[in-house]
Structure formats: C-alpha cells, structure tokens
Amino acid sequence: MVISDALYLLQLLVSAFLAILFLQSGMDKIVDRQGNLSWLTGHFAKSPLARAVPLMFLLLTIIEVTAGLLSGIGFFALLFARSPTTAFYGAIVSAVAILCLFFGQRMAKEYAGAAVLVPYFLVTLVAIYLLAQ
C-alpha cells in the first residue's frame, strides 16, 4: 500500500466516524427533543447559561446535524469522486460542535464530561489535517 492509499483510507474513516457521531447525536436531539431539553435544563440550572438552554439546544442541534450531513456527504464524495472538500468542511463544523459542547460542560462545572470530549476533539483535529491534504 502506498502513502496516498493510506491517506485516502484515513480520510474515509474519519469522515465516516464524524458522520456517525454527529448524525446520531443530532437526530437524537430531534427525535427526543423534550427529553434532551429537560435533561439539559436541569444540567445547566446552576450555571450562568441557565436561561439560554433552549436557544443553545437549538443551535447545537443545527450545528451537529450540519456536521453530520457534511461529513456523510463528504464520505460519499471521497468514495466516488475522491474529493475531500465537503468532508473537510464537515470536520470544521464538527470541531465547532465539540467546542460548543466543551464550553457547555465547563460552564456547568461538569469537568469529567468535558474531559470525555477531548479525544473526540483530537480525532476531529486529525480529520481536519487529513482532509486538507
């Protein structure tokens, strides 16, 4: 296997990973909107973000679904046309989504939850690098 084949395989894998991650998360927020919103309202009840939860939830849902769709479409663009552009933008939006989640966890003083996001963020940074090639 040559390096360009390995790069292509890694591009496909990170695009699929981000598509699965954010499509599932975004769709869960849509399908169980009330349950998620109720949990988040309690989660942020004692934080400075308490009153902004419904707006943040809507924005995060849009960002996550966008990240998932761009990554998913990008996966197929890579697969059939070997074009990484859409997947690259999916990875960028994915990084924004993770930063939003990280910010929220830190503001809620949920430090363990924030720490769990770090590996996802690192994978996303690697995805941005790989897809920029």
N, C-alpha and C. Protein backbone atom coordinates (compact mmCIF):
# COMPACT_ATOMS: atom_id res chain seq x y z
N MET A 1 0.85 -1.18 0.00
CA MET A 1 0.00 0.00 0.00
C MET A 1 0.90 1.24 0.00
N VAL A 2 0.57 2.19 -0.82
CA VAL A 2 1.34 3.43 -0.87
C VAL A 2 0.73 4.46 0.07
N ILE A 3 1.50 5.48 0.36
CA ILE A 3 1.06 6.50 1.32
C ILE A 3 -0.23 7.17 0.87
N SER A 4 -0.39 7.43 -0.42
CA SER A 4 -1.62 8.09 -0.88
C SER A 4 -2.85 7.21 -0.63
N ASP A 5 -2.70 5.89 -0.73
CA ASP A 5 -3.81 4.98 -0.43
C ASP A 5 -4.14 5.01 1.06
N ALA A 6 -3.11 5.06 1.89
CA ALA A 6 -3.32 5.13 3.34
C ALA A 6 -4.01 6.43 3.71
N LEU A 7 -3.59 7.53 3.11
CA LEU A 7 -4.22 8.82 3.37
C LEU A 7 -5.69 8.78 2.97
N TYR A 8 -5.97 8.23 1.80
CA TYR A 8 -7.34 8.12 1.32
C TYR A 8 -8.19 7.28 2.28
N LEU A 9 -7.65 6.16 2.74
CA LEU A 9 -8.37 5.31 3.69
C LEU A 9 -8.64 6.07 5.00
N LEU A 10 -7.65 6.79 5.50
CA LEU A 10 -7.85 7.57 6.73
C LEU A 10 -8.90 8.66 6.52
N GLN A 11 -8.89 9.30 5.36
CA GLN A 11 -9.90 10.32 5.07
C GLN A 11 -11.30 9.72 5.10
N LEU A 12 -11.45 8.55 4.49
CA LEU A 12 -12.75 7.87 4.50
C LEU A 12 -13.18 7.53 5.93
N LEU A 13 -12.26 7.00 6.70
CA LEU A 13 -12.59 6.55 8.05
C LEU A 13 -12.97 7.72 8.97
N VAL A 14 -12.21 8.80 8.93
CA VAL A 14 -12.56 9.93 9.81
C VAL A 14 -13.86 10.59 9.37
N SER A 15 -14.12 10.61 8.08
CA SER A 15 -15.38 11.18 7.59
C SER A 15 -16.56 10.34 8.05
N ALA A 16 -16.43 9.02 7.95
CA ALA A 16 -17.49 8.13 8.40
C ALA A 16 -17.69 8.27 9.91
N PHE A 17 -16.61 8.34 10.66
CA PHE A 17 -16.69 8.49 12.12
C PHE A 17 -17.47 9.74 12.50
N LEU A 18 -17.10 10.87 11.90
CA LEU A 18 -17.77 12.13 12.23
C LEU A 18 -19.23 12.13 11.77
N ALA A 19 -19.50 11.51 10.63
CA ALA A 19 -20.88 11.42 10.14
C ALA A 19 -21.73 10.63 11.13
N ILE A 20 -21.23 9.48 11.56
CA ILE A 20 -21.97 8.65 12.51
C ILE A 20 -22.16 9.39 13.84
N LEU A 21 -21.09 9.97 14.34
CA LEU A 21 -21.14 10.67 15.63
C LEU A 21 -22.19 11.77 15.63
N PHE A 22 -22.13 12.64 14.64
CA PHE A 22 -22.99 13.82 14.68
C PHE A 22 -24.38 13.60 14.10
N LEU A 23 -24.53 12.68 13.16
CA LEU A 23 -25.89 12.37 12.70
C LEU A 23 -26.69 11.70 13.81
N GLN A 24 -26.06 10.78 14.52
CA GLN A 24 -26.76 10.11 15.62
C GLN A 24 -27.10 11.12 16.72
N SER A 25 -26.13 11.94 17.10
CA SER A 25 -26.36 12.89 18.18
C SER A 25 -27.41 13.93 17.80
N GLY A 26 -27.30 14.46 16.59
CA GLY A 26 -28.26 15.45 16.13
C GLY A 26 -29.66 14.87 15.99
N MET A 27 -29.75 13.67 15.42
CA MET A 27 -31.06 13.05 15.25
C MET A 27 -31.69 12.70 16.60
N ASP A 28 -30.87 12.30 17.56
CA ASP A 28 -31.40 12.03 18.91
C ASP A 28 -32.00 13.29 19.51
N LYS A 29 -31.36 14.43 19.26
CA LYS A 29 -31.88 15.70 19.78
C LYS A 29 -33.20 16.06 19.10
N ILE A 30 -33.38 15.65 17.86
CA ILE A 30 -34.63 15.93 17.15
C ILE A 30 -35.73 14.96 17.59
N VAL A 31 -35.40 13.67 17.62
CA VAL A 31 -36.39 12.63 17.94
C VAL A 31 -36.85 12.73 19.40
N ASP A 32 -35.91 12.98 20.31
CA ASP A 32 -36.26 13.09 21.74
C ASP A 32 -35.99 14.51 22.22
N ARG A 33 -36.54 15.47 21.51
CA ARG A 33 -36.29 16.87 21.82
C ARG A 33 -36.66 17.19 23.26
N GLN A 34 -37.85 16.81 23.68
CA GLN A 34 -38.31 17.15 25.02
C GLN A 34 -37.45 16.51 26.11
N GLY A 35 -37.09 15.25 25.94
CA GLY A 35 -36.25 14.58 26.93
C GLY A 35 -34.88 15.22 27.03
N ASN A 36 -34.27 15.52 25.89
CA ASN A 36 -32.95 16.15 25.89
C ASN A 36 -33.02 17.56 26.49
N LEU A 37 -34.03 18.32 26.09
CA LEU A 37 -34.16 19.68 26.60
C LEU A 37 -34.40 19.69 28.11
N SER A 38 -35.19 18.75 28.58
CA SER A 38 -35.46 18.64 30.02
C SER A 38 -34.17 18.31 30.78
N TRP A 39 -33.40 17.36 30.26
CA TRP A 39 -32.15 16.98 30.92
C TRP A 39 -31.18 18.17 30.93
N LEU A 40 -31.06 18.85 29.79
CA LEU A 40 -30.13 19.99 29.71
C LEU A 40 -30.55 21.14 30.61
N THR A 41 -31.84 21.36 30.73
CA THR A 41 -32.32 22.42 31.62
C THR A 41 -31.88 22.15 33.06
N GLY A 42 -31.99 20.91 33.49
CA GLY A 42 -31.51 20.55 34.82
C GLY A 42 -30.00 20.62 34.93
N HIS A 43 -29.32 20.19 33.88
CA HIS A 43 -27.86 20.17 33.85
C HIS A 43 -27.27 21.58 34.00
N PHE A 44 -27.92 22.55 33.38
CA PHE A 44 -27.41 23.93 33.40
C PHE A 44 -28.12 24.83 34.40
N ALA A 45 -28.97 24.24 35.26
CA ALA A 45 -29.79 25.03 36.18
C ALA A 45 -28.98 25.98 37.06
N LYS A 46 -27.81 25.57 37.48
CA LYS A 46 -27.00 26.40 38.38
C LYS A 46 -25.84 27.08 37.67
N SER A 47 -25.90 27.17 36.35
CA SER A 47 -24.82 27.80 35.59
C SER A 47 -25.29 29.14 35.04
N PRO A 48 -24.36 29.96 34.61
CA PRO A 48 -24.75 31.26 34.01
C PRO A 48 -25.53 31.08 32.70
N LEU A 49 -25.54 29.88 32.16
CA LEU A 49 -26.22 29.62 30.89
C LEU A 49 -27.66 29.15 31.07
N ALA A 50 -28.16 29.10 32.28
CA ALA A 50 -29.47 28.50 32.58
C ALA A 50 -30.59 29.05 31.70
N ARG A 51 -30.63 30.35 31.51
CA ARG A 51 -31.74 30.93 30.74
C ARG A 51 -31.57 30.74 29.23
N ALA A 52 -30.38 30.40 28.80
CA ALA A 52 -30.11 30.28 27.36
C ALA A 52 -30.23 28.85 26.84
N VAL A 53 -30.62 27.90 27.69
CA VAL A 53 -30.63 26.49 27.31
C VAL A 53 -31.47 26.22 26.05
N PRO A 54 -32.70 26.70 25.93
CA PRO A 54 -33.46 26.38 24.71
C PRO A 54 -32.79 26.89 23.43
N LEU A 55 -32.24 28.10 23.46
CA LEU A 55 -31.55 28.62 22.28
C LEU A 55 -30.27 27.84 21.99
N MET A 56 -29.50 27.55 23.05
CA MET A 56 -28.27 26.77 22.86
C MET A 56 -28.59 25.39 22.30
N PHE A 57 -29.65 24.78 22.79
CA PHE A 57 -30.06 23.45 22.33
C PHE A 57 -30.41 23.49 20.84
N LEU A 58 -31.14 24.49 20.42
CA LEU A 58 -31.50 24.63 19.01
C LEU A 58 -30.24 24.82 18.15
N LEU A 59 -29.37 25.72 18.57
CA LEU A 59 -28.15 25.98 17.81
C LEU A 59 -27.25 24.74 17.75
N LEU A 60 -27.11 24.06 18.86
CA LEU A 60 -26.28 22.86 18.88
C LEU A 60 -26.86 21.77 17.99
N THR A 61 -28.16 21.63 18.00
CA THR A 61 -28.80 20.63 17.13
C THR A 61 -28.50 20.95 15.67
N ILE A 62 -28.64 22.21 15.28
CA ILE A 62 -28.35 22.62 13.90
C ILE A 62 -26.89 22.37 13.55
N ILE A 63 -25.99 22.72 14.45
CA ILE A 63 -24.55 22.52 14.20
C ILE A 63 -24.23 21.04 14.07
N GLU A 64 -24.77 20.22 14.96
CA GLU A 64 -24.48 18.78 14.92
C GLU A 64 -25.03 18.13 13.65
N VAL A 65 -26.25 18.45 13.29
CA VAL A 65 -26.83 17.86 12.07
C VAL A 65 -26.05 18.32 10.85
N THR A 66 -25.66 19.59 10.83
CA THR A 66 -24.86 20.10 9.71
C THR A 66 -23.52 19.37 9.64
N ALA A 67 -22.86 19.20 10.78
CA ALA A 67 -21.58 18.49 10.81
C ALA A 67 -21.74 17.06 10.30
N GLY A 68 -22.79 16.38 10.76
CA GLY A 68 -23.05 15.01 10.34
C GLY A 68 -23.36 14.90 8.86
N LEU A 69 -24.21 15.80 8.36
CA LEU A 69 -24.56 15.77 6.93
C LEU A 69 -23.35 16.06 6.05
N LEU A 70 -22.59 17.10 6.40
CA LEU A 70 -21.40 17.43 5.60
C LEU A 70 -20.39 16.28 5.63
N SER A 71 -20.21 15.68 6.79
CA SER A 71 -19.27 14.55 6.89
C SER A 71 -19.78 13.35 6.11
N GLY A 72 -21.08 13.09 6.19
CA GLY A 72 -21.66 11.96 5.46
C GLY A 72 -21.61 12.17 3.95
N ILE A 73 -22.02 13.34 3.50
CA ILE A 73 -21.93 13.66 2.07
C ILE A 73 -20.48 13.64 1.63
N GLY A 74 -19.60 14.18 2.50
CA GLY A 74 -18.18 14.18 2.21
C GLY A 74 -17.60 12.79 2.08
N PHE A 75 -18.09 11.86 2.92
CA PHE A 75 -17.66 10.47 2.82
C PHE A 75 -17.96 9.93 1.42
N PHE A 76 -19.18 10.16 0.95
CA PHE A 76 -19.55 9.66 -0.38
C PHE A 76 -18.82 10.40 -1.50
N ALA A 77 -18.56 11.69 -1.30
CA ALA A 77 -17.77 12.44 -2.29
C ALA A 77 -16.35 11.89 -2.37
N LEU A 78 -15.82 11.51 -1.23
CA LEU A 78 -14.50 10.87 -1.19
C LEU A 78 -14.53 9.50 -1.87
N LEU A 79 -15.56 8.74 -1.54
CA LEU A 79 -15.68 7.38 -2.04
C LEU A 79 -15.83 7.35 -3.56
N PHE A 80 -16.67 8.22 -4.09
CA PHE A 80 -16.98 8.16 -5.52
C PHE A 80 -16.19 9.14 -6.39
N ALA A 81 -15.74 10.24 -5.82
CA ALA A 81 -15.03 11.24 -6.62
C ALA A 81 -13.64 11.57 -6.08
N ARG A 82 -13.30 10.95 -4.93
CA ARG A 82 -12.03 11.23 -4.26
C ARG A 82 -11.84 12.72 -3.97
N SER A 83 -12.94 13.39 -3.69
CA SER A 83 -12.90 14.81 -3.36
C SER A 83 -13.11 15.00 -1.86
N PRO A 84 -12.11 15.54 -1.16
CA PRO A 84 -12.22 15.69 0.29
C PRO A 84 -12.85 17.00 0.76
N THR A 85 -13.23 17.87 -0.16
CA THR A 85 -13.66 19.23 0.21
C THR A 85 -14.86 19.24 1.16
N THR A 86 -15.91 18.53 0.83
CA THR A 86 -17.11 18.54 1.68
C THR A 86 -16.82 17.91 3.04
N ALA A 87 -16.06 16.84 3.05
CA ALA A 87 -15.69 16.19 4.31
C ALA A 87 -14.83 17.13 5.17
N PHE A 88 -13.97 17.90 4.52
CA PHE A 88 -13.14 18.88 5.23
C PHE A 88 -14.03 19.88 5.97
N TYR A 89 -15.03 20.42 5.27
CA TYR A 89 -15.93 21.36 5.92
C TYR A 89 -16.76 20.69 7.00
N GLY A 90 -17.09 19.42 6.81
CA GLY A 90 -17.76 18.66 7.85
C GLY A 90 -16.92 18.56 9.10
N ALA A 91 -15.62 18.34 8.92
CA ALA A 91 -14.70 18.26 10.07
C ALA A 91 -14.58 19.61 10.78
N ILE A 92 -14.58 20.69 10.02
CA ILE A 92 -14.51 22.02 10.63
C ILE A 92 -15.76 22.26 11.49
N VAL A 93 -16.94 21.97 10.93
CA VAL A 93 -18.18 22.17 11.68
C VAL A 93 -18.22 21.21 12.88
N SER A 94 -17.67 20.01 12.72
CA SER A 94 -17.58 19.06 13.84
C SER A 94 -16.74 19.64 14.98
N ALA A 95 -15.63 20.29 14.64
CA ALA A 95 -14.79 20.90 15.67
C ALA A 95 -15.55 21.99 16.41
N VAL A 96 -16.32 22.78 15.66
CA VAL A 96 -17.14 23.82 16.29
C VAL A 96 -18.16 23.19 17.25
N ALA A 97 -18.79 22.11 16.81
CA ALA A 97 -19.77 21.42 17.66
C ALA A 97 -19.12 20.94 18.96
N ILE A 98 -17.96 20.34 18.84
CA ILE A 98 -17.28 19.83 20.05
C ILE A 98 -16.86 20.97 20.96
N LEU A 99 -16.41 22.07 20.38
CA LEU A 99 -16.07 23.23 21.20
C LEU A 99 -17.30 23.77 21.94
N CYS A 100 -18.45 23.78 21.28
CA CYS A 100 -19.69 24.21 21.94
C CYS A 100 -20.02 23.28 23.11
N LEU A 101 -19.93 21.98 22.87
CA LEU A 101 -20.19 21.01 23.93
C LEU A 101 -19.20 21.17 25.08
N PHE A 102 -17.92 21.34 24.75
CA PHE A 102 -16.87 21.51 25.75
C PHE A 102 -17.14 22.77 26.59
N PHE A 103 -17.47 23.86 25.91
CA PHE A 103 -17.80 25.10 26.61
C PHE A 103 -18.96 24.89 27.59
N GLY A 104 -20.00 24.23 27.12
CA GLY A 104 -21.16 23.98 27.97
C GLY A 104 -20.81 23.14 29.18
N GLN A 105 -20.03 22.10 28.96
CA GLN A 105 -19.64 21.23 30.09
C GLN A 105 -18.80 22.00 31.10
N ARG A 106 -17.90 22.83 30.63
CA ARG A 106 -17.08 23.62 31.55
C ARG A 106 -17.93 24.62 32.32
N MET A 107 -18.87 25.28 31.63
CA MET A 107 -19.73 26.26 32.30
C MET A 107 -20.62 25.59 33.35
N ALA A 108 -21.03 24.34 33.09
CA ALA A 108 -21.85 23.60 34.04
C ALA A 108 -21.00 22.97 35.14
N LYS A 109 -19.69 23.19 35.06
CA LYS A 109 -18.73 22.62 36.01
C LYS A 109 -18.78 21.10 36.02
N GLU A 110 -19.05 20.53 34.84
CA GLU A 110 -19.08 19.09 34.64
C GLU A 110 -17.74 18.72 33.99
N TYR A 111 -16.69 18.73 34.82
CA TYR A 111 -15.32 18.58 34.32
C TYR A 111 -15.04 17.20 33.74
N ALA A 112 -15.64 16.17 34.31
CA ALA A 112 -15.45 14.82 33.76
C ALA A 112 -16.08 14.72 32.37
N GLY A 113 -17.24 15.32 32.21
CA GLY A 113 -17.90 15.33 30.90
C GLY A 113 -17.10 16.12 29.88
N ALA A 114 -16.49 17.20 30.31
CA ALA A 114 -15.64 18.00 29.42
C ALA A 114 -14.41 17.18 29.00
N ALA A 115 -13.84 16.44 29.94
CA ALA A 115 -12.65 15.64 29.65
C ALA A 115 -12.95 14.55 28.63
N VAL A 116 -14.15 13.99 28.66
CA VAL A 116 -14.53 12.94 27.71
C VAL A 116 -14.52 13.47 26.28
N LEU A 117 -14.75 14.77 26.12
CA LEU A 117 -14.80 15.36 24.78
C LEU A 117 -13.42 15.54 24.15
N VAL A 118 -12.38 15.54 24.95
CA VAL A 118 -11.03 15.80 24.43
C VAL A 118 -10.60 14.80 23.35
N PRO A 119 -10.78 13.49 23.53
CA PRO A 119 -10.39 12.57 22.45
C PRO A 119 -11.19 12.80 21.16
N TYR A 120 -12.46 13.14 21.28
CA TYR A 120 -13.26 13.45 20.09
C TYR A 120 -12.70 14.68 19.37
N PHE A 121 -12.31 15.67 20.16
CA PHE A 121 -11.75 16.88 19.57
C PHE A 121 -10.43 16.57 18.87
N LEU A 122 -9.60 15.75 19.48
CA LEU A 122 -8.32 15.39 18.86
C LEU A 122 -8.53 14.63 17.55
N VAL A 123 -9.48 13.71 17.53
CA VAL A 123 -9.80 13.00 16.29
C VAL A 123 -10.27 13.99 15.23
N THR A 124 -11.06 14.96 15.64
CA THR A 124 -11.56 15.96 14.70
C THR A 124 -10.43 16.83 14.16
N LEU A 125 -9.48 17.19 15.00
CA LEU A 125 -8.32 17.96 14.53
C LEU A 125 -7.50 17.15 13.53
N VAL A 126 -7.33 15.87 13.81
CA VAL A 126 -6.63 14.99 12.88
C VAL A 126 -7.41 14.91 11.56
N ALA A 127 -8.73 14.84 11.66
CA ALA A 127 -9.57 14.79 10.46
C ALA A 127 -9.37 16.05 9.61
N ILE A 128 -9.35 17.20 10.25
CA ILE A 128 -9.14 18.46 9.52
C ILE A 128 -7.80 18.39 8.79
N TYR A 129 -6.77 17.96 9.49
CA TYR A 129 -5.44 17.86 8.88
C TYR A 129 -5.44 16.89 7.69
N LEU A 130 -5.99 15.72 7.90
CA LEU A 130 -6.00 14.69 6.84
C LEU A 130 -6.82 15.13 5.63
N LEU A 131 -7.93 15.77 5.87
CA LEU A 131 -8.82 16.17 4.79
C LEU A 131 -8.32 17.40 4.06
N ALA A 132 -7.37 18.11 4.65
CA ALA A 132 -6.77 19.27 3.98
C ALA A 132 -5.69 18.86 2.99
N GLN A 133 -5.32 17.59 3.01
CA GLN A 133 -4.24 17.10 2.13
C GLN A 133 -4.69 17.01 0.69
